[in-house]
Amino acid sequence: MKKETEKKQKSNIGKKILFAIVLPLIFICMIMIIIFSFLGKNIFEEASNIPIIGSIFASDASVVTTEDLQKQINQLKAALSDEQAKVSDLEFQLEQKEQELETVKQENIESDLVNQEVNSENLEEQSITDEWAMIAKTYENMKPKNAAAILVSMDEPTALNILRSMREKNVAAILEKMPAENAAKFTVKLVETQ
């Protein structure tokens, strides 16, 4: 009898485990599947993302074929060739811009050289003008009679430059002391050059 009661107790323990643990787990899983289905989630796809369990739920849709991989490779090659064409175009544009920049730099250098030449010429002209002004001041400090005698005896362009550099009052005094024909000649030349 004892053996029979022991067998009944053992079968009762198995039944208790079945009714207390296994059946509620199955019931909970069924409810979860229904809830996730209503939410729009496929629990089997989510389970396939879990490393070990995923192999159990793997579907044919998640298996990547070599054809799909080849299509992806071809698409990537096409995208790469498009990008390489863009790079080539940009490199060409960069070369053009660099050439334009070099041209502008060369033009600036040439412009600077021309400006330096003009400035140099202006400085020379200013220097010459200053020299004539200094000489004219010397003649202005002379007596008009002596200045007139010297100017009549020198070459005409030099005498005209000196007279042009002098003040009108002093020019008038010197021309007054010159012979009439020389004074007339210098007056005409001074009027022509102004």
C-alpha atoms as a PDB file:
ATOM      1  CA  MET A   1       0.000   0.000   0.000  1.00  0.00           C
ATOM      2  CA  LYS A   2       2.717   2.237   0.759  1.00  0.00           C
ATOM      3  CA  LYS A   3       4.002   1.804  -2.722  1.00  0.00           C
ATOM      4  CA  GLU A   4       0.698   2.699  -4.213  1.00  0.00           C
ATOM      5  CA  THR A   5       0.406   5.813  -2.159  1.00  0.00           C
ATOM      6  CA  GLU A   6       3.918   6.773  -3.113  1.00  0.00           C
ATOM      7  CA  LYS A   7       3.043   6.345  -6.796  1.00  0.00           C
ATOM      8  CA  LYS A   8      -0.057   8.436  -6.395  1.00  0.00           C
ATOM      9  CA  GLN A   9       1.909  11.125  -4.633  1.00  0.00           C
ATOM     10  CA  LYS A  10       4.543  11.134  -7.407  1.00  0.00           C
ATOM     11  CA  SER A  11       1.881  11.392 -10.102  1.00  0.00           C
ATOM     12  CA  ASN A  12       0.201  14.120  -8.109  1.00  0.00           C
ATOM     13  CA  ILE A  13       3.481  16.069  -8.026  1.00  0.00           C
ATOM     14  CA  GLY A  14       3.776  15.750 -11.836  1.00  0.00           C
ATOM     15  CA  LYS A  15       0.203  16.935 -12.253  1.00  0.00           C
ATOM     16  CA  LYS A  16       0.794  19.808  -9.873  1.00  0.00           C
ATOM     17  CA  ILE A  17       3.869  20.896 -11.852  1.00  0.00           C
ATOM     18  CA  LEU A  18       1.929  20.612 -15.109  1.00  0.00           C
ATOM     19  CA  PHE A  19      -1.017  22.625 -13.853  1.00  0.00           C
ATOM     20  CA  ALA A  20       0.979  25.117 -11.767  1.00  0.00           C
ATOM     21  CA  ILE A  21       3.874  25.935 -14.130  1.00  0.00           C
ATOM     22  CA  VAL A  22       3.664  24.583 -17.688  1.00  0.00           C
ATOM     23  CA  LEU A  23       0.039  25.368 -18.552  1.00  0.00           C
ATOM     24  CA  PRO A  24       0.224  28.952 -17.222  1.00  0.00           C
ATOM     25  CA  LEU A  25       3.427  29.526 -19.258  1.00  0.00           C
ATOM     26  CA  ILE A  26       1.736  28.305 -22.417  1.00  0.00           C
ATOM     27  CA  PHE A  27      -1.289  30.469 -21.663  1.00  0.00           C
ATOM     28  CA  ILE A  28       0.935  33.581 -21.069  1.00  0.00           C
ATOM     29  CA  CYS A  29       2.809  32.960 -24.350  1.00  0.00           C
ATOM     30  CA  MET A  30      -0.444  32.680 -26.278  1.00  0.00           C
ATOM     31  CA  ILE A  31      -1.716  35.962 -24.775  1.00  0.00           C
ATOM     32  CA  MET A  32       1.582  37.712 -25.619  1.00  0.00           C
ATOM     33  CA  ILE A  33       1.420  36.505 -29.240  1.00  0.00           C
ATOM     34  CA  ILE A  34      -2.130  37.825 -29.560  1.00  0.00           C
ATOM     35  CA  ILE A  35      -1.213  41.209 -27.988  1.00  0.00           C
ATOM     36  CA  PHE A  36       1.840  41.689 -30.198  1.00  0.00           C
ATOM     37  CA  SER A  37      -0.190  40.711 -33.276  1.00  0.00           C
ATOM     38  CA  PHE A  38      -2.676  43.456 -32.496  1.00  0.00           C
ATOM     39  CA  LEU A  39       0.207  45.913 -32.033  1.00  0.00           C
ATOM     40  CA  GLY A  40       1.526  45.032 -35.479  1.00  0.00           C
ATOM     41  CA  LYS A  41       4.649  43.274 -34.243  1.00  0.00           C
ATOM     42  CA  ASN A  42       5.604  39.841 -35.398  1.00  0.00           C
ATOM     43  CA  ILE A  43       7.057  38.200 -32.326  1.00  0.00           C
ATOM     44  CA  PHE A  44       8.766  35.543 -34.435  1.00  0.00           C
ATOM     45  CA  GLU A  45      10.702  38.192 -36.412  1.00  0.00           C
ATOM     46  CA  GLU A  46      11.734  39.880 -33.161  1.00  0.00           C
ATOM     47  CA  ALA A  47      12.801  36.507 -31.773  1.00  0.00           C
ATOM     48  CA  SER A  48      14.893  35.883 -34.903  1.00  0.00           C
ATOM     49  CA  ASN A  49      17.116  38.823 -33.869  1.00  0.00           C
ATOM     50  CA  ILE A  50      18.148  36.960 -30.697  1.00  0.00           C
ATOM     51  CA  PRO A  51      21.356  35.023 -31.496  1.00  0.00           C
ATOM     52  CA  ILE A  52      20.533  31.465 -30.419  1.00  0.00           C
ATOM     53  CA  ILE A  53      16.754  31.588 -30.619  1.00  0.00           C
ATOM     54  CA  GLY A  54      16.921  33.406 -33.961  1.00  0.00           C
ATOM     55  CA  SER A  55      18.055  30.265 -35.779  1.00  0.00           C
ATOM     56  CA  ILE A  56      14.860  28.517 -34.697  1.00  0.00           C
ATOM     57  CA  PHE A  57      12.598  31.282 -36.061  1.00  0.00           C
ATOM     58  CA  ALA A  58      14.616  32.144 -39.169  1.00  0.00           C
ATOM     59  CA  SER A  59      12.397  32.626 -42.177  1.00  0.00           C
ATOM     60  CA  ASP A  60      13.216  32.461 -45.863  1.00  0.00           C
ATOM     61  CA  ALA A  61      12.640  36.236 -46.155  1.00  0.00           C
ATOM     62  CA  SER A  62      15.520  36.969 -43.793  1.00  0.00           C
ATOM     63  CA  VAL A  63      17.978  34.785 -45.712  1.00  0.00           C
ATOM     64  CA  VAL A  64      20.124  36.878 -48.054  1.00  0.00           C
ATOM     65  CA  THR A  65      20.846  35.267 -51.391  1.00  0.00           C
ATOM     66  CA  THR A  66      23.922  35.733 -53.522  1.00  0.00           C
ATOM     67  CA  GLU A  67      21.722  37.365 -56.154  1.00  0.00           C
ATOM     68  CA  ASP A  68      20.686  40.019 -53.635  1.00  0.00           C
ATOM     69  CA  LEU A  69      24.300  40.534 -52.647  1.00  0.00           C
ATOM     70  CA  GLN A  70      25.317  40.837 -56.298  1.00  0.00           C
ATOM     71  CA  LYS A  71      22.575  43.432 -56.869  1.00  0.00           C
ATOM     72  CA  GLN A  72      23.828  45.401 -53.884  1.00  0.00           C
ATOM     73  CA  ILE A  73      27.406  45.188 -55.173  1.00  0.00           C
ATOM     74  CA  ASN A  74      26.307  46.437 -58.609  1.00  0.00           C
ATOM     75  CA  GLN A  75      24.370  49.304 -57.048  1.00  0.00           C
ATOM     76  CA  LEU A  76      27.372  50.248 -54.930  1.00  0.00           C
ATOM     77  CA  LYS A  77      29.663  50.087 -57.980  1.00  0.00           C
ATOM     78  CA  ALA A  78      27.286  52.378 -59.897  1.00  0.00           C
ATOM     79  CA  ALA A  79      27.172  54.810 -56.987  1.00  0.00           C
ATOM     80  CA  LEU A  80      30.970  54.691 -56.752  1.00  0.00           C
ATOM     81  CA  SER A  81      31.397  55.421 -60.457  1.00  0.00           C
ATOM     82  CA  ASP A  82      28.954  58.351 -60.133  1.00  0.00           C
ATOM     83  CA  GLU A  83      30.956  59.731 -57.234  1.00  0.00           C
ATOM     84  CA  GLN A  84      34.208  59.248 -59.156  1.00  0.00           C
ATOM     85  CA  ALA A  85      32.718  61.190 -62.082  1.00  0.00           C
ATOM     86  CA  LYS A  86      31.748  63.981 -59.694  1.00  0.00           C
ATOM     87  CA  VAL A  87      35.267  63.990 -58.244  1.00  0.00           C
ATOM     88  CA  SER A  88      36.773  64.165 -61.743  1.00  0.00           C
ATOM     89  CA  ASP A  89      34.480  67.052 -62.632  1.00  0.00           C
ATOM     90  CA  LEU A  90      35.384  68.884 -59.439  1.00  0.00           C
ATOM     91  CA  GLU A  91      39.097  68.299 -60.066  1.00  0.00           C
ATOM     92  CA  PHE A  92      38.698  69.748 -63.572  1.00  0.00           C
ATOM     93  CA  GLN A  93      36.892  72.792 -62.173  1.00  0.00           C
ATOM     94  CA  LEU A  94      39.634  73.164 -59.561  1.00  0.00           C
ATOM     95  CA  GLU A  95      42.325  73.127 -62.259  1.00  0.00           C
ATOM     96  CA  GLN A  96      40.431  75.794 -64.212  1.00  0.00           C
ATOM     97  CA  LYS A  97      40.127  77.967 -61.117  1.00  0.00           C
ATOM     98  CA  GLU A  98      43.831  77.526 -60.385  1.00  0.00           C
ATOM     99  CA  GLN A  99      44.660  78.585 -63.956  1.00  0.00           C
ATOM    100  CA  GLU A 100      42.384  81.626 -63.606  1.00  0.00           C
ATOM    101  CA  LEU A 101      44.081  82.440 -60.310  1.00  0.00           C
ATOM    102  CA  GLU A 102      47.523  82.209 -61.924  1.00  0.00           C
ATOM    103  CA  THR A 103      46.360  84.473 -64.760  1.00  0.00           C
ATOM    104  CA  VAL A 104      45.039  87.030 -62.276  1.00  0.00           C
ATOM    105  CA  LYS A 105      48.277  86.830 -60.269  1.00  0.00           C
ATOM    106  CA  GLN A 106      50.314  87.391 -63.442  1.00  0.00           C
ATOM    107  CA  GLU A 107      48.119  90.351 -64.397  1.00  0.00           C
ATOM    108  CA  ASN A 108      48.591  91.788 -60.901  1.00  0.00           C
ATOM    109  CA  ILE A 109      52.348  91.409 -61.196  1.00  0.00           C
ATOM    110  CA  GLU A 110      52.329  93.131 -64.580  1.00  0.00           C
ATOM    111  CA  SER A 111      50.061  95.878 -63.220  1.00  0.00           C
ATOM    112  CA  ASP A 112      52.410  96.378 -60.268  1.00  0.00           C
ATOM    113  CA  LEU A 113      55.366  96.660 -62.634  1.00  0.00           C
ATOM    114  CA  VAL A 114      53.536  99.251 -64.731  1.00  0.00           C
ATOM    115  CA  ASN A 115      52.601 101.168 -61.574  1.00  0.00           C
ATOM    116  CA  GLN A 116      56.212 101.077 -60.417  1.00  0.00           C
ATOM    117  CA  GLU A 117      57.372 102.401 -63.775  1.00  0.00           C
ATOM    118  CA  VAL A 118      54.777 105.185 -63.674  1.00  0.00           C
ATOM    119  CA  ASN A 119      55.750 106.038 -60.095  1.00  0.00           C
ATOM    120  CA  SER A 120      59.399 106.028 -61.088  1.00  0.00           C
ATOM    121  CA  GLU A 121      58.666 108.355 -64.012  1.00  0.00           C
ATOM    122  CA  ASN A 122      56.605 110.605 -61.741  1.00  0.00           C
ATOM    123  CA  LEU A 123      59.461 110.710 -59.245  1.00  0.00           C
ATOM    124  CA  GLU A 124      61.892 111.572 -62.021  1.00  0.00           C
ATOM    125  CA  GLU A 125      59.576 114.313 -63.282  1.00  0.00           C
ATOM    126  CA  GLN A 126      59.160 115.608 -59.737  1.00  0.00           C
ATOM    127  CA  SER A 127      62.910 115.524 -59.266  1.00  0.00           C
ATOM    128  CA  ILE A 128      63.412 117.459 -62.516  1.00  0.00           C
ATOM    129  CA  THR A 129      60.707 119.933 -61.517  1.00  0.00           C
ATOM    130  CA  ASP A 130      62.376 120.373 -58.135  1.00  0.00           C
ATOM    131  CA  GLU A 131      65.741 120.953 -59.836  1.00  0.00           C
ATOM    132  CA  TRP A 132      64.205 123.595 -62.131  1.00  0.00           C
ATOM    133  CA  ALA A 133      62.549 125.229 -59.125  1.00  0.00           C
ATOM    134  CA  MET A 134      65.891 125.377 -57.330  1.00  0.00           C
ATOM    135  CA  ILE A 135      67.604 126.895 -60.383  1.00  0.00           C
ATOM    136  CA  ALA A 136      64.694 129.327 -60.838  1.00  0.00           C
ATOM    137  CA  LYS A 137      65.048 130.411 -57.208  1.00  0.00           C
ATOM    138  CA  THR A 138      68.699 131.174 -57.879  1.00  0.00           C
ATOM    139  CA  TYR A 139      67.753 133.382 -60.826  1.00  0.00           C
ATOM    140  CA  GLU A 140      65.003 135.045 -58.790  1.00  0.00           C
ATOM    141  CA  ASN A 141      67.624 136.041 -56.212  1.00  0.00           C
ATOM    142  CA  MET A 142      69.760 137.710 -58.945  1.00  0.00           C
ATOM    143  CA  LYS A 143      69.255 141.194 -60.163  1.00  0.00           C
ATOM    144  CA  PRO A 144      66.792 141.121 -63.114  1.00  0.00           C
ATOM    145  CA  LYS A 145      69.373 142.711 -65.462  1.00  0.00           C
ATOM    146  CA  ASN A 146      72.009 140.007 -64.756  1.00  0.00           C
ATOM    147  CA  ALA A 147      69.437 137.191 -64.949  1.00  0.00           C
ATOM    148  CA  ALA A 148      68.155 138.555 -68.301  1.00  0.00           C
ATOM    149  CA  ALA A 149      71.691 138.652 -69.769  1.00  0.00           C
ATOM    150  CA  ILE A 150      72.375 135.044 -68.728  1.00  0.00           C
ATOM    151  CA  LEU A 151      69.025 133.730 -69.986  1.00  0.00           C
ATOM    152  CA  VAL A 152      69.463 135.402 -73.398  1.00  0.00           C
ATOM    153  CA  SER A 153      72.875 133.799 -73.814  1.00  0.00           C
ATOM    154  CA  MET A 154      71.825 130.204 -72.948  1.00  0.00           C
ATOM    155  CA  ASP A 155      69.911 127.731 -75.129  1.00  0.00           C
ATOM    156  CA  GLU A 156      66.228 128.452 -75.511  1.00  0.00           C
ATOM    157  CA  PRO A 157      64.696 125.256 -73.918  1.00  0.00           C
ATOM    158  CA  THR A 158      66.766 125.682 -70.759  1.00  0.00           C
ATOM    159  CA  ALA A 159      65.895 129.369 -70.489  1.00  0.00           C
ATOM    160  CA  LEU A 160      62.183 128.562 -70.976  1.00  0.00           C
ATOM    161  CA  ASN A 161      62.257 125.890 -68.233  1.00  0.00           C
ATOM    162  CA  ILE A 162      63.846 128.345 -65.825  1.00  0.00           C
ATOM    163  CA  LEU A 163      61.324 131.085 -66.691  1.00  0.00           C
ATOM    164  CA  ARG A 164      58.387 128.640 -66.296  1.00  0.00           C
ATOM    165  CA  SER A 165      59.617 127.701 -62.820  1.00  0.00           C
ATOM    166  CA  MET A 166      59.814 131.321 -61.639  1.00  0.00           C
ATOM    167  CA  ARG A 167      57.121 133.520 -60.103  1.00  0.00           C
ATOM    168  CA  GLU A 168      55.319 135.820 -62.557  1.00  0.00           C
ATOM    169  CA  LYS A 169      56.563 138.968 -60.830  1.00  0.00           C
ATOM    170  CA  ASN A 170      60.197 137.923 -61.265  1.00  0.00           C
ATOM    171  CA  VAL A 171      59.611 136.762 -64.880  1.00  0.00           C
ATOM    172  CA  ALA A 172      58.146 140.168 -65.679  1.00  0.00           C
ATOM    173  CA  ALA A 173      61.143 141.963 -64.158  1.00  0.00           C
ATOM    174  CA  ILE A 174      63.628 139.798 -66.118  1.00  0.00           C
ATOM    175  CA  LEU A 175      61.729 140.164 -69.440  1.00  0.00           C
ATOM    176  CA  GLU A 176      61.697 143.918 -68.894  1.00  0.00           C
ATOM    177  CA  LYS A 177      65.491 143.951 -68.760  1.00  0.00           C
ATOM    178  CA  MET A 178      65.901 141.817 -71.925  1.00  0.00           C
ATOM    179  CA  PRO A 179      66.229 143.236 -75.422  1.00  0.00           C
ATOM    180  CA  ALA A 180      62.729 143.634 -76.936  1.00  0.00           C
ATOM    181  CA  GLU A 181      63.074 140.932 -79.599  1.00  0.00           C
ATOM    182  CA  ASN A 182      64.333 138.343 -77.045  1.00  0.00           C
ATOM    183  CA  ALA A 183      61.575 139.301 -74.588  1.00  0.00           C
ATOM    184  CA  ALA A 184      58.978 138.896 -77.356  1.00  0.00           C
ATOM    185  CA  LYS A 185      60.416 135.518 -78.406  1.00  0.00           C
ATOM    186  CA  PHE A 186      60.404 134.186 -74.817  1.00  0.00           C
ATOM    187  CA  THR A 187      56.891 135.559 -74.184  1.00  0.00           C
ATOM    188  CA  VAL A 188      55.516 133.777 -77.256  1.00  0.00           C
ATOM    189  CA  LYS A 189      57.204 130.522 -76.261  1.00  0.00           C
ATOM    190  CA  LEU A 190      55.927 130.762 -72.682  1.00  0.00           C
ATOM    191  CA  VAL A 191      52.366 131.299 -73.940  1.00  0.00           C
ATOM    192  CA  GLU A 192      52.618 128.375 -76.393  1.00  0.00           C
ATOM    193  CA  THR A 193      53.758 125.900 -73.735  1.00  0.00           C
ATOM    194  CA  GLN A 194      51.077 126.747 -71.195  1.00  0.00           C
END
